[in-house]
Amino acid sequence: MKLPFRVDYADGRQEILTATAPDIICFEDEFALSIPKVGENVRMKHFAYLCWLAAKRTEPPTLEFDGWLDTVESITVVNLWRL
């Protein structure tokens, strides 16, 4: 499973971050919540955490979650069919 997101940063940068199996497993452990259950009670923090995990995995070194989140302006779920 892959979950792509577009992240717009406060400095004007934009990137696509894709959460993959390792990120999803860390997310599920952190929130004690499976991805299908997220759809029942979507929180922006869930999307942000998945993006941060993907950034941390693919672009180290990455700030800790709260520091990274301070640099984010918006997060958009990317339509899988458009990739």
PDB file of N, CA and C in Angstrom:
ATOM      1  N   MET A   1       0.853  -1.175   0.000  1.00  0.00           N
ATOM      2  CA  MET A   1       0.000   0.000   0.000  1.00  0.00           C
ATOM      3  C   MET A   1       0.895   1.232   0.000  1.00  0.00           C
ATOM      4  N   LYS A   2       0.503   2.217  -0.796  1.00  0.00           N
ATOM      5  CA  LYS A   2       1.199   3.496  -0.833  1.00  0.00           C
ATOM      6  C   LYS A   2       0.172   4.608  -0.689  1.00  0.00           C
ATOM      7  N   LEU A   3       0.504   5.592   0.129  1.00  0.00           N
ATOM      8  CA  LEU A   3      -0.378   6.735   0.338  1.00  0.00           C
ATOM      9  C   LEU A   3       0.383   8.013   0.003  1.00  0.00           C
ATOM     10  N   PRO A   4       0.114   8.615  -1.160  1.00  0.00           N
ATOM     11  CA  PRO A   4       0.838   9.820  -1.557  1.00  0.00           C
ATOM     12  C   PRO A   4       0.165  11.097  -1.049  1.00  0.00           C
ATOM     13  N   PHE A   5       0.991  12.056  -0.679  1.00  0.00           N
ATOM     14  CA  PHE A   5       0.531  13.351  -0.197  1.00  0.00           C
ATOM     15  C   PHE A   5       1.358  14.449  -0.866  1.00  0.00           C
ATOM     16  N   ARG A   6       0.734  15.589  -1.121  1.00  0.00           N
ATOM     17  CA  ARG A   6       1.478  16.774  -1.548  1.00  0.00           C
ATOM     18  C   ARG A   6       1.617  17.670  -0.333  1.00  0.00           C
ATOM     19  N   VAL A   7       2.838  18.033  -0.024  1.00  0.00           N
ATOM     20  CA  VAL A   7       3.115  18.901   1.123  1.00  0.00           C
ATOM     21  C   VAL A   7       3.591  20.250   0.591  1.00  0.00           C
ATOM     22  N   ASP A   8       2.913  21.308   1.008  1.00  0.00           N
ATOM     23  CA  ASP A   8       3.316  22.679   0.690  1.00  0.00           C
ATOM     24  C   ASP A   8       3.929  23.267   1.951  1.00  0.00           C
ATOM     25  N   TYR A   9       5.146  23.773   1.806  1.00  0.00           N
ATOM     26  CA  TYR A   9       5.868  24.321   2.949  1.00  0.00           C
ATOM     27  C   TYR A   9       5.726  25.843   3.004  1.00  0.00           C
ATOM     28  N   ALA A  10       5.924  26.399   4.167  1.00  0.00           N
ATOM     29  CA  ALA A  10       5.810  27.837   4.379  1.00  0.00           C
ATOM     30  C   ALA A  10       6.815  28.621   3.540  1.00  0.00           C
ATOM     31  N   ASP A  11       7.940  28.001   3.188  1.00  0.00           N
ATOM     32  CA  ASP A  11       8.960  28.693   2.387  1.00  0.00           C
ATOM     33  C   ASP A  11       8.690  28.618   0.882  1.00  0.00           C
ATOM     34  N   GLY A  12       7.542  28.062   0.480  1.00  0.00           N
ATOM     35  CA  GLY A  12       7.173  27.994  -0.925  1.00  0.00           C
ATOM     36  C   GLY A  12       7.499  26.674  -1.606  1.00  0.00           C
ATOM     37  N   ARG A  13       8.290  25.824  -0.960  1.00  0.00           N
ATOM     38  CA  ARG A  13       8.608  24.519  -1.549  1.00  0.00           C
ATOM     39  C   ARG A  13       7.357  23.648  -1.562  1.00  0.00           C
ATOM     40  N   GLN A  14       7.366  22.683  -2.465  1.00  0.00           N
ATOM     41  CA  GLN A  14       6.279  21.722  -2.567  1.00  0.00           C
ATOM     42  C   GLN A  14       6.903  20.374  -2.897  1.00  0.00           C
ATOM     43  N   GLU A  15       6.393  19.318  -2.283  1.00  0.00           N
ATOM     44  CA  GLU A  15       6.909  17.993  -2.623  1.00  0.00           C
ATOM     45  C   GLU A  15       5.837  16.946  -2.439  1.00  0.00           C
ATOM     46  N   ILE A  16       6.027  15.842  -3.151  1.00  0.00           N
ATOM     47  CA  ILE A  16       5.167  14.671  -2.981  1.00  0.00           C
ATOM     48  C   ILE A  16       5.893  13.714  -2.049  1.00  0.00           C
ATOM     49  N   LEU A  17       5.226  13.354  -0.970  1.00  0.00           N
ATOM     50  CA  LEU A  17       5.761  12.359  -0.043  1.00  0.00           C
ATOM     51  C   LEU A  17       4.817  11.163  -0.067  1.00  0.00           C
ATOM     52  N   THR A  18       5.377   9.984  -0.175  1.00  0.00           N
ATOM     53  CA  THR A  18       4.558   8.774  -0.241  1.00  0.00           C
ATOM     54  C   THR A  18       4.835   7.896   0.968  1.00  0.00           C
ATOM     55  N   ALA A  19       3.789   7.698   1.756  1.00  0.00           N
ATOM     56  CA  ALA A  19       3.886   6.797   2.905  1.00  0.00           C
ATOM     57  C   ALA A  19       3.772   5.366   2.372  1.00  0.00           C
ATOM     58  N   THR A  20       4.720   4.530   2.784  1.00  0.00           N
ATOM     59  CA  THR A  20       4.728   3.132   2.358  1.00  0.00           C
ATOM     60  C   THR A  20       4.587   2.237   3.592  1.00  0.00           C
ATOM     61  N   ALA A  21       4.685   0.954   3.386  1.00  0.00           N
ATOM     62  CA  ALA A  21       4.439  -0.010   4.463  1.00  0.00           C
ATOM     63  C   ALA A  21       5.168   0.308   5.774  1.00  0.00           C
ATOM     64  N   PRO A  22       6.476   0.614   5.763  1.00  0.00           N
ATOM     65  CA  PRO A  22       7.127   0.908   7.043  1.00  0.00           C
ATOM     66  C   PRO A  22       6.516   2.124   7.764  1.00  0.00           C
ATOM     67  N   ASP A  23       6.140   3.145   6.987  1.00  0.00           N
ATOM     68  CA  ASP A  23       5.531   4.339   7.574  1.00  0.00           C
ATOM     69  C   ASP A  23       4.151   4.020   8.148  1.00  0.00           C
ATOM     70  N   ILE A  24       3.390   3.246   7.401  1.00  0.00           N
ATOM     71  CA  ILE A  24       2.034   2.890   7.834  1.00  0.00           C
ATOM     72  C   ILE A  24       2.082   2.050   9.101  1.00  0.00           C
ATOM     73  N   ILE A  25       3.024   1.132   9.185  1.00  0.00           N
ATOM     74  CA  ILE A  25       3.154   0.301  10.391  1.00  0.00           C
ATOM     75  C   ILE A  25       3.535   1.165  11.593  1.00  0.00           C
ATOM     76  N   CYS A  26       4.482   2.093  11.419  1.00  0.00           N
ATOM     77  CA  CYS A  26       4.843   3.010  12.521  1.00  0.00           C
ATOM     78  C   CYS A  26       3.654   3.856  12.947  1.00  0.00           C
ATOM     79  N   PHE A  27       2.880   4.335  11.966  1.00  0.00           N
ATOM     80  CA  PHE A  27       1.680   5.111  12.257  1.00  0.00           C
ATOM     81  C   PHE A  27       0.694   4.292  13.091  1.00  0.00           C
ATOM     82  N   GLU A  28       0.435   3.060  12.646  1.00  0.00           N
ATOM     83  CA  GLU A  28      -0.517   2.205  13.352  1.00  0.00           C
ATOM     84  C   GLU A  28      -0.056   1.925  14.777  1.00  0.00           C
ATOM     85  N   ASP A  29       1.240   1.735  14.972  1.00  0.00           N
ATOM     86  CA  ASP A  29       1.775   1.523  16.319  1.00  0.00           C
ATOM     87  C   ASP A  29       1.635   2.781  17.172  1.00  0.00           C
ATOM     88  N   GLU A  30       1.932   3.948  16.598  1.00  0.00           N
ATOM     89  CA  GLU A  30       1.882   5.214  17.336  1.00  0.00           C
ATOM     90  C   GLU A  30       0.467   5.570  17.775  1.00  0.00           C
ATOM     91  N   PHE A  31      -0.500   5.381  16.898  1.00  0.00           N
ATOM     92  CA  PHE A  31      -1.871   5.811  17.180  1.00  0.00           C
ATOM     93  C   PHE A  31      -2.799   4.674  17.575  1.00  0.00           C
ATOM     94  N   ALA A  32      -2.304   3.434  17.583  1.00  0.00           N
ATOM     95  CA  ALA A  32      -3.129   2.256  17.873  1.00  0.00           C
ATOM     96  C   ALA A  32      -4.395   2.296  17.015  1.00  0.00           C
ATOM     97  N   LEU A  33      -4.179   2.558  15.713  1.00  0.00           N
ATOM     98  CA  LEU A  33      -5.278   2.767  14.790  1.00  0.00           C
ATOM     99  C   LEU A  33      -4.872   2.234  13.424  1.00  0.00           C
ATOM    100  N   SER A  34      -5.700   1.369  12.846  1.00  0.00           N
ATOM    101  CA  SER A  34      -5.379   0.856  11.514  1.00  0.00           C
ATOM    102  C   SER A  34      -5.777   1.885  10.454  1.00  0.00           C
ATOM    103  N   ILE A  35      -5.148   1.826   9.311  1.00  0.00           N
ATOM    104  CA  ILE A  35      -5.432   2.764   8.229  1.00  0.00           C
ATOM    105  C   ILE A  35      -6.916   2.735   7.831  1.00  0.00           C
ATOM    106  N   PRO A  36      -7.560   1.565   7.711  1.00  0.00           N
ATOM    107  CA  PRO A  36      -8.993   1.593   7.388  1.00  0.00           C
ATOM    108  C   PRO A  36      -9.831   2.348   8.438  1.00  0.00           C
ATOM    109  N   LYS A  37      -9.439   2.284   9.691  1.00  0.00           N
ATOM    110  CA  LYS A  37     -10.164   2.994  10.750  1.00  0.00           C
ATOM    111  C   LYS A  37      -9.965   4.502  10.668  1.00  0.00           C
ATOM    112  N   VAL A  38      -8.856   4.940  10.099  1.00  0.00           N
ATOM    113  CA  VAL A  38      -8.589   6.371   9.964  1.00  0.00           C
ATOM    114  C   VAL A  38      -9.697   7.027   9.158  1.00  0.00           C
ATOM    115  N   GLY A  39     -10.193   6.320   8.138  1.00  0.00           N
ATOM    116  CA  GLY A  39     -11.256   6.859   7.296  1.00  0.00           C
ATOM    117  C   GLY A  39     -12.530   7.180   8.051  1.00  0.00           C
ATOM    118  N   GLU A  40     -12.736   6.548   9.191  1.00  0.00           N
ATOM    119  CA  GLU A  40     -13.931   6.792   9.995  1.00  0.00           C
ATOM    120  C   GLU A  40     -13.814   8.046  10.856  1.00  0.00           C
ATOM    121  N   ASN A  41     -12.576   8.474  11.133  1.00  0.00           N
ATOM    122  CA  ASN A  41     -12.359   9.624  12.010  1.00  0.00           C
ATOM    123  C   ASN A  41     -11.065  10.325  11.591  1.00  0.00           C
ATOM    124  N   VAL A  42     -11.106  10.931  10.406  1.00  0.00           N
ATOM    125  CA  VAL A  42      -9.906  11.539   9.836  1.00  0.00           C
ATOM    126  C   VAL A  42      -9.481  12.766  10.643  1.00  0.00           C
ATOM    127  N   ARG A  43      -8.197  12.814  10.977  1.00  0.00           N
ATOM    128  CA  ARG A  43      -7.601  13.967  11.654  1.00  0.00           C
ATOM    129  C   ARG A  43      -6.399  14.423  10.836  1.00  0.00           C
ATOM    130  N   MET A  44      -6.238  15.704  10.739  1.00  0.00           N
ATOM    131  CA  MET A  44      -5.115  16.252   9.986  1.00  0.00           C
ATOM    132  C   MET A  44      -3.784  15.763  10.555  1.00  0.00           C
ATOM    133  N   LYS A  45      -3.731  15.572  11.870  1.00  0.00           N
ATOM    134  CA  LYS A  45      -2.491  15.094  12.482  1.00  0.00           C
ATOM    135  C   LYS A  45      -2.105  13.728  11.926  1.00  0.00           C
ATOM    136  N   HIS A  46      -3.085  12.897  11.597  1.00  0.00           N
ATOM    137  CA  HIS A  46      -2.791  11.585  11.023  1.00  0.00           C
ATOM    138  C   HIS A  46      -2.052  11.741   9.692  1.00  0.00           C
ATOM    139  N   PHE A  47      -2.567  12.623   8.818  1.00  0.00           N
ATOM    140  CA  PHE A  47      -1.914  12.850   7.541  1.00  0.00           C
ATOM    141  C   PHE A  47      -0.513  13.435   7.746  1.00  0.00           C
ATOM    142  N   ALA A  48      -0.421  14.403   8.649  1.00  0.00           N
ATOM    143  CA  ALA A  48       0.868  15.050   8.906  1.00  0.00           C
ATOM    144  C   ALA A  48       1.881  14.028   9.420  1.00  0.00           C
ATOM    145  N   TYR A  49       1.473  13.156  10.305  1.00  0.00           N
ATOM    146  CA  TYR A  49       2.394  12.164  10.864  1.00  0.00           C
ATOM    147  C   TYR A  49       2.883  11.197   9.784  1.00  0.00           C
ATOM    148  N   LEU A  50       1.974  10.767   8.901  1.00  0.00           N
ATOM    149  CA  LEU A  50       2.386   9.895   7.804  1.00  0.00           C
ATOM    150  C   LEU A  50       3.378  10.597   6.886  1.00  0.00           C
ATOM    151  N   CYS A  51       3.131  11.878   6.597  1.00  0.00           N
ATOM    152  CA  CYS A  51       4.062  12.639   5.754  1.00  0.00           C
ATOM    153  C   CYS A  51       5.421  12.770   6.425  1.00  0.00           C
ATOM    154  N   TRP A  52       5.415  13.062   7.714  1.00  0.00           N
ATOM    155  CA  TRP A  52       6.673  13.205   8.453  1.00  0.00           C
ATOM    156  C   TRP A  52       7.465  11.896   8.455  1.00  0.00           C
ATOM    157  N   LEU A  53       6.761  10.793   8.666  1.00  0.00           N
ATOM    158  CA  LEU A  53       7.443   9.494   8.635  1.00  0.00           C
ATOM    159  C   LEU A  53       8.077   9.248   7.269  1.00  0.00           C
ATOM    160  N   ALA A  54       7.341   9.567   6.191  1.00  0.00           N
ATOM    161  CA  ALA A  54       7.879   9.385   4.844  1.00  0.00           C
ATOM    162  C   ALA A  54       9.087  10.291   4.617  1.00  0.00           C
ATOM    163  N   ALA A  55       9.004  11.536   5.080  1.00  0.00           N
ATOM    164  CA  ALA A  55      10.133  12.467   4.927  1.00  0.00           C
ATOM    165  C   ALA A  55      11.337  11.970   5.715  1.00  0.00           C
ATOM    166  N   LYS A  56      11.083  11.517   6.920  1.00  0.00           N
ATOM    167  CA  LYS A  56      12.163  11.035   7.783  1.00  0.00           C
ATOM    168  C   LYS A  56      12.865   9.821   7.166  1.00  0.00           C
ATOM    169  N   ARG A  57      12.096   8.968   6.501  1.00  0.00           N
ATOM    170  CA  ARG A  57      12.643   7.761   5.888  1.00  0.00           C
ATOM    171  C   ARG A  57      13.422   8.080   4.616  1.00  0.00           C
ATOM    172  N   THR A  58      12.951   9.056   3.852  1.00  0.00           N
ATOM    173  CA  THR A  58      13.542   9.303   2.535  1.00  0.00           C
ATOM    174  C   THR A  58      14.488  10.498   2.478  1.00  0.00           C
ATOM    175  N   GLU A  59      14.413  11.405   3.448  1.00  0.00           N
ATOM    176  CA  GLU A  59      15.204  12.632   3.380  1.00  0.00           C
ATOM    177  C   GLU A  59      15.887  12.974   4.700  1.00  0.00           C
ATOM    178  N   PRO A  60      16.531  12.020   5.347  1.00  0.00           N
ATOM    179  CA  PRO A  60      17.182  12.365   6.603  1.00  0.00           C
ATOM    180  C   PRO A  60      18.313  13.354   6.389  1.00  0.00           C
ATOM    181  N   PRO A  61      18.680  14.187   7.314  1.00  0.00           N
ATOM    182  CA  PRO A  61      18.010  14.326   8.612  1.00  0.00           C
ATOM    183  C   PRO A  61      16.761  15.207   8.511  1.00  0.00           C
ATOM    184  N   THR A  62      15.749  14.815   9.220  1.00  0.00           N
ATOM    185  CA  THR A  62      14.491  15.547   9.275  1.00  0.00           C
ATOM    186  C   THR A  62      14.281  16.002  10.713  1.00  0.00           C
ATOM    187  N   LEU A  63      13.683  17.182  10.870  1.00  0.00           N
ATOM    188  CA  LEU A  63      13.360  17.693  12.198  1.00  0.00           C
ATOM    189  C   LEU A  63      12.445  16.726  12.927  1.00  0.00           C
ATOM    190  N   GLU A  64      12.379  16.849  14.235  1.00  0.00           N
ATOM    191  CA  GLU A  64      11.390  16.088  14.991  1.00  0.00           C
ATOM    192  C   GLU A  64      10.005  16.536  14.537  1.00  0.00           C
ATOM    193  N   PHE A  65       8.983  15.740  14.821  1.00  0.00           N
ATOM    194  CA  PHE A  65       7.649  15.968  14.264  1.00  0.00           C
ATOM    195  C   PHE A  65       7.148  17.403  14.464  1.00  0.00           C
ATOM    196  N   ASP A  66       7.150  17.913  15.694  1.00  0.00           N
ATOM    197  CA  ASP A  66       6.608  19.253  15.939  1.00  0.00           C
ATOM    198  C   ASP A  66       7.387  20.334  15.197  1.00  0.00           C
ATOM    199  N   GLY A  67       8.693  20.207  15.123  1.00  0.00           N
ATOM    200  CA  GLY A  67       9.514  21.162  14.384  1.00  0.00           C
ATOM    201  C   GLY A  67       9.231  21.105  12.898  1.00  0.00           C
ATOM    202  N   TRP A  68       9.104  19.896  12.355  1.00  0.00           N
ATOM    203  CA  TRP A  68       8.781  19.725  10.947  1.00  0.00           C
ATOM    204  C   TRP A  68       7.410  20.312  10.650  1.00  0.00           C
ATOM    205  N   LEU A  69       6.448  20.037  11.521  1.00  0.00           N
ATOM    206  CA  LEU A  69       5.080  20.514  11.322  1.00  0.00           C
ATOM    207  C   LEU A  69       5.027  22.043  11.266  1.00  0.00           C
ATOM    208  N   ASP A  70       5.886  22.706  12.020  1.00  0.00           N
ATOM    209  CA  ASP A  70       5.939  24.174  11.987  1.00  0.00           C
ATOM    210  C   ASP A  70       6.339  24.708  10.616  1.00  0.00           C
ATOM    211  N   THR A  71       6.957  23.884   9.778  1.00  0.00           N
ATOM    212  CA  THR A  71       7.383  24.328   8.443  1.00  0.00           C
ATOM    213  C   THR A  71       6.324  24.065   7.372  1.00  0.00           C
ATOM    214  N   VAL A  72       5.250  23.368   7.732  1.00  0.00           N
ATOM    215  CA  VAL A  72       4.227  22.945   6.770  1.00  0.00           C
ATOM    216  C   VAL A  72       3.099  23.968   6.692  1.00  0.00           C
ATOM    217  N   GLU A  73       2.716  24.292   5.453  1.00  0.00           N
ATOM    218  CA  GLU A  73       1.575  25.186   5.243  1.00  0.00           C
ATOM    219  C   GLU A  73       0.303  24.394   4.962  1.00  0.00           C
ATOM    220  N   SER A  74       0.415  23.350   4.137  1.00  0.00           N
ATOM    221  CA  SER A  74      -0.759  22.525   3.853  1.00  0.00           C
ATOM    222  C   SER A  74      -0.341  21.126   3.409  1.00  0.00           C
ATOM    223  N   ILE A  75      -1.279  20.193   3.583  1.00  0.00           N
ATOM    224  CA  ILE A  75      -1.090  18.803   3.167  1.00  0.00           C
ATOM    225  C   ILE A  75      -2.332  18.398   2.389  1.00  0.00           C
ATOM    226  N   THR A  76      -2.102  17.806   1.214  1.00  0.00           N
ATOM    227  CA  THR A  76      -3.206  17.369   0.364  1.00  0.00           C
ATOM    228  C   THR A  76      -3.018  15.895   0.037  1.00  0.00           C
ATOM    229  N   VAL A  77      -4.083  15.124   0.181  1.00  0.00           N
ATOM    230  CA  VAL A  77      -4.028  13.724  -0.241  1.00  0.00           C
ATOM    231  C   VAL A  77      -4.066  13.723  -1.768  1.00  0.00           C
ATOM    232  N   VAL A  78      -3.099  13.035  -2.372  1.00  0.00           N
ATOM    233  CA  VAL A  78      -3.000  12.986  -3.825  1.00  0.00           C
ATOM    234  C   VAL A  78      -3.851  11.833  -4.332  1.00  0.00           C
ATOM    235  N   ASN A  79      -4.588  12.093  -5.388  1.00  0.00           N
ATOM    236  CA  ASN A  79      -5.393  11.061  -6.024  1.00  0.00           C
ATOM    237  C   ASN A  79      -4.460   9.993  -6.587  1.00  0.00           C
ATOM    238  N   LEU A  80      -4.620   8.770  -6.139  1.00  0.00           N
ATOM    239  CA  LEU A  80      -3.755   7.677  -6.572  1.00  0.00           C
ATOM    240  C   LEU A  80      -3.804   7.466  -8.083  1.00  0.00           C
ATOM    241  N   TRP A  81      -4.898   7.745  -8.698  1.00  0.00           N
ATOM    242  CA  TRP A  81      -5.041   7.500 -10.126  1.00  0.00           C
ATOM    243  C   TRP A  81      -4.315   8.533 -10.965  1.00  0.00           C
ATOM    244  N   ARG A  82      -3.878   9.636 -10.355  1.00  0.00           N
ATOM    245  CA  ARG A  82      -3.175  10.679 -11.093  1.00  0.00           C
ATOM    246  C   ARG A  82      -1.666  10.508 -11.035  1.00  0.00           C
ATOM    247  N   LEU A  83      -1.161   9.583 -10.263  1.00  0.00           N
ATOM    248  CA  LEU A  83       0.298   9.374 -10.172  1.00  0.00           C
ATOM    249  C   LEU A  83       0.807   8.601 -11.361  1.00  0.00           C
TER     250      LEU A  83
END
